Amino acid sequence: MNKKFTLLTILLLLFSIVVAPVILSSGSAVAATLEDAIAKAPQGTEKGHIDPNAKPGYLGIPGAPQLNPLIGFLWAIWVGWIFSTVGAFGGIMAGVGHITIYGLGAYAKTFKDTAPGLNKTITDSIRVSNQWLVGTSALVSSFNYWKQKRLVASLGVFLGIGALLATLIVVYTSAGKVKFSQYQGYFGLVVFIIGGFMVYEMTPKGQASKKAAKAAAKAFETAAKSKVAIEDQGVKTAKWSLAKTEISFFGQTFSFSPLWALAGGFFISALASFLGIGGGFLYVPFLTSVVGLPMFVVAGTSALSVLIGMIFAIFNFMVLKGVMVHWPLIGVELIGIFIGSMIGPRTGKYIPEKVLKGIFIALALYIGLRYTLRGFFGIQML
């Protein structure tokens, strides 16, 4: 059987594990939870009130924001492209779309004092909506990077395994308990810190221990410009064991411990699941700084790790905890995600590594600062 077809089949089966139960779970029991939260909110036309005569919007809530599917489609293309290109920021960009562009964040905040239950219900819905987008992008990206031999499968799998227990713990400790302002503030703070760390990584001191990664990146860039078959010098496993695994990429050798990768995946996914994002913005620094891989391999490896974590995070939130999403919006966004995720791996190979890291840093610093100030201090940035 064709190996490419086999991997795609496996990935689709993994993703389908969550799809069928999730769709089935969106029935009467879940709807009853949302109806209960709406019923407990005060009625009226003021902010923080529910007007029963208003037109249903997000999640069918009367008076909730009306969502334009075209905006969701176009934004999802961007989300898919940025995640599949740098291996990060898919969930964060999805969050920017749901929180800011659609105004769901501001809407959720209106219920902070009047209907805390509804505030938390909408917050959880935003978190899981982000996960649907980044999970789909991770699925498409993993397959494309695997075809280009720009994915360290064993490393991605061990990072993903570490994510499984973490996602379950976070779901049971945070679902229905996080206020939107807390979510927004922590969302921004973590992203900002990671952006600052990546700035350090770009300094001469931070680059001192990255000679192999720089050499491999330079060789890859030369091959991409010459339009030669990059697969011939792509990722190959030279040695494998739980203690130490060695891989080669464009003439350079890199090593890592699968057990340490498992531990790293646990802590990264725990934080990512709390924020309702894929974790790529944490996997990327881990893979470039701790493992020492070049960015051209990091994006695909990060995508595979994110995919495994997202499958179980979505399942846990929606099936076990009954969190709802707005299916008409998600359906349109997934089409956009697919398109963007198909474009990313094909265009990213022509972008220099420094530019890829620069994009990562710029987005991290701006988004991190914006949401930290907004969530914790109520300061609005453009």
Foldseek 3Di string as FASTA:
>chain_A
DDPLVVVLVVLVVLLVVQVVLLVVLLDDVLVVLLVVLLVQFADDDDQLHADPPAAQDFVRGRPAQHDDLVVLLQLLLVLLQLCLQQVDDSLVSLLCCCCPVRVLVVNLVSNVPRRVQNSLLSVLQSLLLSLLSLLLSLSLSLSVCVVLQLEDVLLLVLLQLLLQVLLLVLLVVPRSPDGSLRLLQLSLQVLQVLLVVLVVCPDCVNCVPQVLQVVLLVLLLVCVVVVDRLSVQHWDWPDDDQQKTWIGGNHGIWMDHSVVSSNQSNVQNNSSLNSSHQSSSVQSCCCCRVRNHQSSNSSNSSSSSSNSNSSNNSNCNCNVVNRDYRVVNSVSSSVSSSNSSVVNNVPSSNDRSVVSSVVSSVVSNVSSVQSNCCSPPVDHDD
